[in-house]
Amino acid sequence: MIDGLPTYLDERDLEDLFSAFGRLKSFQLRRDPRTGESKGCAYCEYFDPAITDTVCTSTNGMMINGNTMVVRRVDTKLVKLPDH
C-alpha cells in the first residue's frame, strides 16, 4: 500500500515511478467514487514478490512535493487488485 501521495499525480505518473523497480502485476490508484479525484492512496503488486520489500525500503518516507509517502506491504488476500 502506498499512502501520502500528492492527489495531483495520476496512474501514469505513479506506474512510471513504481514500474522502475520491476514489472507490475497490478496497480490501482484509489479515487473518490463521487468526484473521481485521487484519495492519495494506491496499491501495487509485482510479478516478482521479492521486489515488494525493495520498494518498501526504497520509497517509504520518500518526499514528493512536501508529501511523505508511506509504503508498506499488505496481504493481497485482503485487497482485490485488477490485473495490469
PDB file of N, CA and C in Angstrom:
ATOM      1  N   MET A   1       0.836  -1.167   0.000  1.00  0.00           N
ATOM      2  CA  MET A   1       0.000   0.000   0.000  1.00  0.00           C
ATOM      3  C   MET A   1       0.884   1.234   0.000  1.00  0.00           C
ATOM      4  N   ILE A   2       0.482   2.206  -0.774  1.00  0.00           N
ATOM      5  CA  ILE A   2       1.211   3.464  -0.860  1.00  0.00           C
ATOM      6  C   ILE A   2       0.257   4.550  -0.403  1.00  0.00           C
ATOM      7  N   ASP A   3       0.621   5.262   0.641  1.00  0.00           N
ATOM      8  CA  ASP A   3      -0.229   6.313   1.187  1.00  0.00           C
ATOM      9  C   ASP A   3       0.568   7.610   1.210  1.00  0.00           C
ATOM     10  N   GLY A   4      -0.139   8.730   1.342  1.00  0.00           N
ATOM     11  CA  GLY A   4       0.531  10.024   1.415  1.00  0.00           C
ATOM     12  C   GLY A   4       0.920  10.578   0.059  1.00  0.00           C
ATOM     13  N   LEU A   5       0.277  10.088  -0.994  1.00  0.00           N
ATOM     14  CA  LEU A   5       0.597  10.556  -2.346  1.00  0.00           C
ATOM     15  C   LEU A   5      -0.037  11.913  -2.622  1.00  0.00           C
ATOM     16  N   PRO A   6       0.660  12.787  -3.347  1.00  0.00           N
ATOM     17  CA  PRO A   6       0.018  14.023  -3.786  1.00  0.00           C
ATOM     18  C   PRO A   6      -1.177  13.676  -4.678  1.00  0.00           C
ATOM     19  N   THR A   7      -2.287  14.336  -4.462  1.00  0.00           N
ATOM     20  CA  THR A   7      -3.511  13.981  -5.180  1.00  0.00           C
ATOM     21  C   THR A   7      -3.490  14.382  -6.655  1.00  0.00           C
ATOM     22  N   TYR A   8      -2.527  15.207  -7.067  1.00  0.00           N
ATOM     23  CA  TYR A   8      -2.458  15.595  -8.480  1.00  0.00           C
ATOM     24  C   TYR A   8      -1.777  14.528  -9.347  1.00  0.00           C
ATOM     25  N   LEU A   9      -1.105  13.559  -8.725  1.00  0.00           N
ATOM     26  CA  LEU A   9      -0.463  12.501  -9.506  1.00  0.00           C
ATOM     27  C   LEU A   9      -1.522  11.537 -10.029  1.00  0.00           C
ATOM     28  N   ASP A  10      -1.351  11.108 -11.286  1.00  0.00           N
ATOM     29  CA  ASP A  10      -2.312  10.159 -11.848  1.00  0.00           C
ATOM     30  C   ASP A  10      -1.672   8.779 -11.991  1.00  0.00           C
ATOM     31  N   GLU A  11      -2.448   7.842 -12.511  1.00  0.00           N
ATOM     32  CA  GLU A  11      -1.977   6.464 -12.649  1.00  0.00           C
ATOM     33  C   GLU A  11      -0.679   6.378 -13.441  1.00  0.00           C
ATOM     34  N   ARG A  12      -0.595   7.108 -14.529  1.00  0.00           N
ATOM     35  CA  ARG A  12       0.602   7.033 -15.378  1.00  0.00           C
ATOM     36  C   ARG A  12       1.847   7.485 -14.610  1.00  0.00           C
ATOM     37  N   ASP A  13       1.752   8.605 -13.897  1.00  0.00           N
ATOM     38  CA  ASP A  13       2.894   9.099 -13.111  1.00  0.00           C
ATOM     39  C   ASP A  13       3.362   8.046 -12.108  1.00  0.00           C
ATOM     40  N   LEU A  14       2.406   7.472 -11.402  1.00  0.00           N
ATOM     41  CA  LEU A  14       2.744   6.513 -10.349  1.00  0.00           C
ATOM     42  C   LEU A  14       3.215   5.180 -10.908  1.00  0.00           C
ATOM     43  N   GLU A  15       2.603   4.730 -11.986  1.00  0.00           N
ATOM     44  CA  GLU A  15       3.064   3.486 -12.614  1.00  0.00           C
ATOM     45  C   GLU A  15       4.485   3.651 -13.130  1.00  0.00           C
ATOM     46  N   ASP A  16       4.812   4.822 -13.675  1.00  0.00           N
ATOM     47  CA  ASP A  16       6.183   5.081 -14.127  1.00  0.00           C
ATOM     48  C   ASP A  16       7.162   4.972 -12.959  1.00  0.00           C
ATOM     49  N   LEU A  17       6.805   5.562 -11.831  1.00  0.00           N
ATOM     50  CA  LEU A  17       7.672   5.526 -10.652  1.00  0.00           C
ATOM     51  C   LEU A  17       7.861   4.100 -10.141  1.00  0.00           C
ATOM     52  N   PHE A  18       6.771   3.377  -9.955  1.00  0.00           N
ATOM     53  CA  PHE A  18       6.860   2.061  -9.324  1.00  0.00           C
ATOM     54  C   PHE A  18       7.265   0.950 -10.288  1.00  0.00           C
ATOM     55  N   SER A  19       7.045   1.116 -11.572  1.00  0.00           N
ATOM     56  CA  SER A  19       7.494   0.096 -12.528  1.00  0.00           C
ATOM     57  C   SER A  19       9.001   0.164 -12.750  1.00  0.00           C
ATOM     58  N   ALA A  20       9.641   1.229 -12.285  1.00  0.00           N
ATOM     59  CA  ALA A  20      11.103   1.315 -12.380  1.00  0.00           C
ATOM     60  C   ALA A  20      11.770   0.220 -11.541  1.00  0.00           C
ATOM     61  N   PHE A  21      11.067  -0.329 -10.562  1.00  0.00           N
ATOM     62  CA  PHE A  21      11.611  -1.375  -9.698  1.00  0.00           C
ATOM     63  C   PHE A  21      11.425  -2.773 -10.276  1.00  0.00           C
ATOM     64  N   GLY A  22      10.434  -2.935 -11.141  1.00  0.00           N
ATOM     65  CA  GLY A  22      10.145  -4.244 -11.719  1.00  0.00           C
ATOM     66  C   GLY A  22       8.781  -4.237 -12.383  1.00  0.00           C
ATOM     67  N   ARG A  23       8.470  -5.332 -13.040  1.00  0.00           N
ATOM     68  CA  ARG A  23       7.218  -5.441 -13.794  1.00  0.00           C
ATOM     69  C   ARG A  23       6.017  -5.547 -12.849  1.00  0.00           C
ATOM     70  N   LEU A  24       5.073  -4.621 -13.025  1.00  0.00           N
ATOM     71  CA  LEU A  24       3.877  -4.600 -12.194  1.00  0.00           C
ATOM     72  C   LEU A  24       2.874  -5.647 -12.652  1.00  0.00           C
ATOM     73  N   LYS A  25       2.327  -6.363 -11.704  1.00  0.00           N
ATOM     74  CA  LYS A  25       1.243  -7.305 -11.984  1.00  0.00           C
ATOM     75  C   LYS A  25      -0.095  -6.565 -11.939  1.00  0.00           C
ATOM     76  N   SER A  26      -0.219  -5.631 -10.999  1.00  0.00           N
ATOM     77  CA  SER A  26      -1.429  -4.824 -10.891  1.00  0.00           C
ATOM     78  C   SER A  26      -1.097  -3.495 -10.227  1.00  0.00           C
ATOM     79  N   PHE A  27      -1.926  -2.513 -10.516  1.00  0.00           N
ATOM     80  CA  PHE A  27      -1.776  -1.187  -9.924  1.00  0.00           C
ATOM     81  C   PHE A  27      -3.155  -0.563  -9.827  1.00  0.00           C
ATOM     82  N   GLN A  28      -3.434   0.055  -8.695  1.00  0.00           N
ATOM     83  CA  GLN A  28      -4.727   0.718  -8.534  1.00  0.00           C
ATOM     84  C   GLN A  28      -4.550   1.978  -7.698  1.00  0.00           C
ATOM     85  N   LEU A  29      -4.939   3.107  -8.271  1.00  0.00           N
ATOM     86  CA  LEU A  29      -4.979   4.374  -7.550  1.00  0.00           C
ATOM     87  C   LEU A  29      -6.398   4.529  -7.014  1.00  0.00           C
ATOM     88  N   ARG A  30      -6.524   4.731  -5.726  1.00  0.00           N
ATOM     89  CA  ARG A  30      -7.846   4.895  -5.117  1.00  0.00           C
ATOM     90  C   ARG A  30      -8.380   6.289  -5.459  1.00  0.00           C
ATOM     91  N   ARG A  31      -9.633   6.318  -5.911  1.00  0.00           N
ATOM     92  CA  ARG A  31     -10.291   7.574  -6.265  1.00  0.00           C
ATOM     93  C   ARG A  31     -11.630   7.680  -5.544  1.00  0.00           C
ATOM     94  N   ASP A  32     -12.033   8.905  -5.289  1.00  0.00           N
ATOM     95  CA  ASP A  32     -13.351   9.155  -4.715  1.00  0.00           C
ATOM     96  C   ASP A  32     -14.387   8.772  -5.764  1.00  0.00           C
ATOM     97  N   PRO A  33     -15.315   7.873  -5.450  1.00  0.00           N
ATOM     98  CA  PRO A  33     -16.276   7.422  -6.456  1.00  0.00           C
ATOM     99  C   PRO A  33     -17.215   8.529  -6.941  1.00  0.00           C
ATOM    100  N   ARG A  34     -17.408   9.540  -6.120  1.00  0.00           N
ATOM    101  CA  ARG A  34     -18.303  10.628  -6.495  1.00  0.00           C
ATOM    102  C   ARG A  34     -17.615  11.664  -7.373  1.00  0.00           C
ATOM    103  N   THR A  35     -16.385  12.051  -7.002  1.00  0.00           N
ATOM    104  CA  THR A  35     -15.697  13.127  -7.718  1.00  0.00           C
ATOM    105  C   THR A  35     -14.657  12.623  -8.710  1.00  0.00           C
ATOM    106  N   GLY A  36     -14.182  11.388  -8.514  1.00  0.00           N
ATOM    107  CA  GLY A  36     -13.127  10.857  -9.371  1.00  0.00           C
ATOM    108  C   GLY A  36     -11.737  11.338  -8.992  1.00  0.00           C
ATOM    109  N   GLU A  37     -11.644  12.151  -7.943  1.00  0.00           N
ATOM    110  CA  GLU A  37     -10.343  12.668  -7.520  1.00  0.00           C
ATOM    111  C   GLU A  37      -9.566  11.615  -6.733  1.00  0.00           C
ATOM    112  N   SER A  38      -8.250  11.680  -6.875  1.00  0.00           N
ATOM    113  CA  SER A  38      -7.372  10.763  -6.155  1.00  0.00           C
ATOM    114  C   SER A  38      -7.539  10.934  -4.652  1.00  0.00           C
ATOM    115  N   LYS A  39      -7.474   9.810  -3.942  1.00  0.00           N
ATOM    116  CA  LYS A  39      -7.503   9.838  -2.479  1.00  0.00           C
ATOM    117  C   LYS A  39      -6.090   9.853  -1.900  1.00  0.00           C
ATOM    118  N   GLY A  40      -5.064   9.883  -2.773  1.00  0.00           N
ATOM    119  CA  GLY A  40      -3.684   9.897  -2.294  1.00  0.00           C
ATOM    120  C   GLY A  40      -3.202   8.552  -1.795  1.00  0.00           C
ATOM    121  N   CYS A  41      -3.858   7.491  -2.246  1.00  0.00           N
ATOM    122  CA  CYS A  41      -3.539   6.130  -1.807  1.00  0.00           C
ATOM    123  C   CYS A  41      -3.568   5.209  -3.020  1.00  0.00           C
ATOM    124  N   ALA A  42      -2.628   4.285  -3.087  1.00  0.00           N
ATOM    125  CA  ALA A  42      -2.580   3.344  -4.212  1.00  0.00           C
ATOM    126  C   ALA A  42      -2.105   1.986  -3.714  1.00  0.00           C
ATOM    127  N   TYR A  43      -2.368   0.991  -4.528  1.00  0.00           N
ATOM    128  CA  TYR A  43      -1.914  -0.375  -4.270  1.00  0.00           C
ATOM    129  C   TYR A  43      -1.203  -0.875  -5.518  1.00  0.00           C
ATOM    130  N   CYS A  44      -0.098  -1.571  -5.328  1.00  0.00           N
ATOM    131  CA  CYS A  44       0.559  -2.188  -6.472  1.00  0.00           C
ATOM    132  C   CYS A  44       1.056  -3.574  -6.068  1.00  0.00           C
ATOM    133  N   GLU A  45       1.152  -4.423  -7.073  1.00  0.00           N
ATOM    134  CA  GLU A  45       1.639  -5.787  -6.869  1.00  0.00           C
ATOM    135  C   GLU A  45       2.601  -6.093  -8.009  1.00  0.00           C
ATOM    136  N   TYR A  46       3.695  -6.758  -7.681  1.00  0.00           N
ATOM    137  CA  TYR A  46       4.710  -7.110  -8.667  1.00  0.00           C
ATOM    138  C   TYR A  46       4.624  -8.586  -9.021  1.00  0.00           C
ATOM    139  N   PHE A  47       5.030  -8.909 -10.247  1.00  0.00           N
ATOM    140  CA  PHE A  47       5.103 -10.317 -10.636  1.00  0.00           C
ATOM    141  C   PHE A  47       6.106 -11.052  -9.758  1.00  0.00           C
ATOM    142  N   ASP A  48       7.207 -10.388  -9.399  1.00  0.00           N
ATOM    143  CA  ASP A  48       8.208 -10.968  -8.502  1.00  0.00           C
ATOM    144  C   ASP A  48       7.966 -10.406  -7.097  1.00  0.00           C
ATOM    145  N   PRO A  49       7.397 -11.198  -6.194  1.00  0.00           N
ATOM    146  CA  PRO A  49       7.071 -10.692  -4.854  1.00  0.00           C
ATOM    147  C   PRO A  49       8.275 -10.154  -4.076  1.00  0.00           C
ATOM    148  N   ALA A  50       9.467 -10.620  -4.390  1.00  0.00           N
ATOM    149  CA  ALA A  50      10.663 -10.153  -3.683  1.00  0.00           C
ATOM    150  C   ALA A  50      10.912  -8.665  -3.914  1.00  0.00           C
ATOM    151  N   ILE A  51      10.425  -8.144  -5.014  1.00  0.00           N
ATOM    152  CA  ILE A  51      10.612  -6.725  -5.328  1.00  0.00           C
ATOM    153  C   ILE A  51       9.873  -5.846  -4.322  1.00  0.00           C
ATOM    154  N   THR A  52       8.792  -6.348  -3.776  1.00  0.00           N
ATOM    155  CA  THR A  52       7.982  -5.565  -2.842  1.00  0.00           C
ATOM    156  C   THR A  52       8.807  -5.058  -1.667  1.00  0.00           C
ATOM    157  N   ASP A  53       9.650  -5.904  -1.094  1.00  0.00           N
ATOM    158  CA  ASP A  53      10.478  -5.478   0.037  1.00  0.00           C
ATOM    159  C   ASP A  53      11.437  -4.363  -0.367  1.00  0.00           C
ATOM    160  N   THR A  54      12.013  -4.473  -1.558  1.00  0.00           N
ATOM    161  CA  THR A  54      12.916  -3.439  -2.059  1.00  0.00           C
ATOM    162  C   THR A  54      12.179  -2.119  -2.222  1.00  0.00           C
ATOM    163  N   VAL A  55      10.977  -2.182  -2.788  1.00  0.00           N
ATOM    164  CA  VAL A  55      10.175  -0.971  -2.994  1.00  0.00           C
ATOM    165  C   VAL A  55       9.818  -0.332  -1.651  1.00  0.00           C
ATOM    166  N   CYS A  56       9.405  -1.134  -0.698  1.00  0.00           N
ATOM    167  CA  CYS A  56       9.052  -0.604   0.624  1.00  0.00           C
ATOM    168  C   CYS A  56      10.248   0.094   1.268  1.00  0.00           C
ATOM    169  N   THR A  57      11.392  -0.547   1.233  1.00  0.00           N
ATOM    170  CA  THR A  57      12.601   0.020   1.824  1.00  0.00           C
ATOM    171  C   THR A  57      13.050   1.283   1.096  1.00  0.00           C
ATOM    172  N   SER A  58      12.968   1.269  -0.229  1.00  0.00           N
ATOM    173  CA  SER A  58      13.484   2.374  -1.039  1.00  0.00           C
ATOM    174  C   SER A  58      12.575   3.594  -1.073  1.00  0.00           C
ATOM    175  N   THR A  59      11.267   3.390  -0.967  1.00  0.00           N
ATOM    176  CA  THR A  59      10.351   4.520  -1.164  1.00  0.00           C
ATOM    177  C   THR A  59       9.605   4.957   0.095  1.00  0.00           C
ATOM    178  N   ASN A  60       9.568   4.132   1.129  1.00  0.00           N
ATOM    179  CA  ASN A  60       8.894   4.551   2.359  1.00  0.00           C
ATOM    180  C   ASN A  60       9.610   5.768   2.934  1.00  0.00           C
ATOM    181  N   GLY A  61       8.851   6.822   3.197  1.00  0.00           N
ATOM    182  CA  GLY A  61       9.436   8.055   3.717  1.00  0.00           C
ATOM    183  C   GLY A  61       9.893   9.022   2.642  1.00  0.00           C
ATOM    184  N   MET A  62       9.810   8.619   1.378  1.00  0.00           N
ATOM    185  CA  MET A  62      10.204   9.487   0.272  1.00  0.00           C
ATOM    186  C   MET A  62       9.265  10.695   0.213  1.00  0.00           C
ATOM    187  N   MET A  63       9.853  11.856  -0.029  1.00  0.00           N
ATOM    188  CA  MET A  63       9.069  13.084  -0.142  1.00  0.00           C
ATOM    189  C   MET A  63       8.776  13.377  -1.612  1.00  0.00           C
ATOM    190  N   ILE A  64       7.520  13.710  -1.890  1.00  0.00           N
ATOM    191  CA  ILE A  64       7.126  14.176  -3.216  1.00  0.00           C
ATOM    192  C   ILE A  64       6.366  15.476  -3.013  1.00  0.00           C
ATOM    193  N   ASN A  65       7.015  16.582  -3.364  1.00  0.00           N
ATOM    194  CA  ASN A  65       6.410  17.919  -3.226  1.00  0.00           C
ATOM    195  C   ASN A  65       5.751  18.137  -1.864  1.00  0.00           C
ATOM    196  N   GLY A  66       6.481  17.834  -0.807  1.00  0.00           N
ATOM    197  CA  GLY A  66       6.005  18.082   0.545  1.00  0.00           C
ATOM    198  C   GLY A  66       5.167  16.970   1.155  1.00  0.00           C
ATOM    199  N   ASN A  67       4.839  15.963   0.378  1.00  0.00           N
ATOM    200  CA  ASN A  67       4.083  14.818   0.898  1.00  0.00           C
ATOM    201  C   ASN A  67       5.054  13.681   1.200  1.00  0.00           C
ATOM    202  N   THR A  68       4.925  13.078   2.365  1.00  0.00           N
ATOM    203  CA  THR A  68       5.755  11.938   2.737  1.00  0.00           C
ATOM    204  C   THR A  68       4.996  10.654   2.436  1.00  0.00           C
ATOM    205  N   MET A  69       5.564   9.846   1.548  1.00  0.00           N
ATOM    206  CA  MET A  69       4.929   8.578   1.206  1.00  0.00           C
ATOM    207  C   MET A  69       5.137   7.557   2.321  1.00  0.00           C
ATOM    208  N   VAL A  70       4.091   6.800   2.586  1.00  0.00           N
ATOM    209  CA  VAL A  70       4.156   5.658   3.495  1.00  0.00           C
ATOM    210  C   VAL A  70       3.910   4.432   2.623  1.00  0.00           C
ATOM    211  N   VAL A  71       4.921   3.579   2.520  1.00  0.00           N
ATOM    212  CA  VAL A  71       4.839   2.411   1.640  1.00  0.00           C
ATOM    213  C   VAL A  71       5.049   1.170   2.493  1.00  0.00           C
ATOM    214  N   ARG A  72       4.052   0.295   2.466  1.00  0.00           N
ATOM    215  CA  ARG A  72       4.160  -0.922   3.278  1.00  0.00           C
ATOM    216  C   ARG A  72       3.464  -2.079   2.583  1.00  0.00           C
ATOM    217  N   ARG A  73       3.845  -3.239   3.001  1.00  0.00           N
ATOM    218  CA  ARG A  73       3.290  -4.484   2.471  1.00  0.00           C
ATOM    219  C   ARG A  73       1.901  -4.718   3.071  1.00  0.00           C
ATOM    220  N   VAL A  74       0.973  -5.194   2.246  1.00  0.00           N
ATOM    221  CA  VAL A  74      -0.349  -5.605   2.741  1.00  0.00           C
ATOM    222  C   VAL A  74      -0.636  -7.008   2.234  1.00  0.00           C
ATOM    223  N   ASP A  75      -1.527  -7.690   2.897  1.00  0.00           N
ATOM    224  CA  ASP A  75      -1.925  -9.037   2.492  1.00  0.00           C
ATOM    225  C   ASP A  75      -2.810  -8.933   1.256  1.00  0.00           C
ATOM    226  N   THR A  76      -2.361  -9.504   0.142  1.00  0.00           N
ATOM    227  CA  THR A  76      -3.121  -9.404  -1.108  1.00  0.00           C
ATOM    228  C   THR A  76      -4.454 -10.131  -1.036  1.00  0.00           C
ATOM    229  N   LYS A  77      -4.623 -10.992  -0.063  1.00  0.00           N
ATOM    230  CA  LYS A  77      -5.923 -11.661   0.102  1.00  0.00           C
ATOM    231  C   LYS A  77      -6.975 -10.690   0.634  1.00  0.00           C
ATOM    232  N   LEU A  78      -6.511  -9.613   1.265  1.00  0.00           N
ATOM    233  CA  LEU A  78      -7.427  -8.629   1.835  1.00  0.00           C
ATOM    234  C   LEU A  78      -7.732  -7.482   0.881  1.00  0.00           C
ATOM    235  N   VAL A  79      -6.916  -7.328  -0.173  1.00  0.00           N
ATOM    236  CA  VAL A  79      -7.083  -6.236  -1.126  1.00  0.00           C
ATOM    237  C   VAL A  79      -7.230  -6.824  -2.517  1.00  0.00           C
ATOM    238  N   LYS A  80      -8.338  -6.548  -3.186  1.00  0.00           N
ATOM    239  CA  LYS A  80      -8.566  -7.046  -4.546  1.00  0.00           C
ATOM    240  C   LYS A  80      -8.008  -6.032  -5.528  1.00  0.00           C
ATOM    241  N   LEU A  81      -7.010  -6.466  -6.304  1.00  0.00           N
ATOM    242  CA  LEU A  81      -6.389  -5.598  -7.295  1.00  0.00           C
ATOM    243  C   LEU A  81      -6.706  -6.096  -8.695  1.00  0.00           C
ATOM    244  N   PRO A  82      -6.951  -5.173  -9.619  1.00  0.00           N
ATOM    245  CA  PRO A  82      -7.175  -5.601 -11.003  1.00  0.00           C
ATOM    246  C   PRO A  82      -5.862  -6.028 -11.636  1.00  0.00           C
ATOM    247  N   ASP A  83      -5.916  -6.972 -12.577  1.00  0.00           N
ATOM    248  CA  ASP A  83      -4.705  -7.348 -13.307  1.00  0.00           C
ATOM    249  C   ASP A  83      -4.272  -6.182 -14.164  1.00  0.00           C
ATOM    250  N   HIS A  84      -2.960  -6.057 -14.325  1.00  0.00           N
ATOM    251  CA  HIS A  84      -2.386  -4.942 -15.065  1.00  0.00           C
ATOM    252  C   HIS A  84      -2.264  -5.291 -16.529  1.00  0.00           C
TER     253      HIS A  84
END
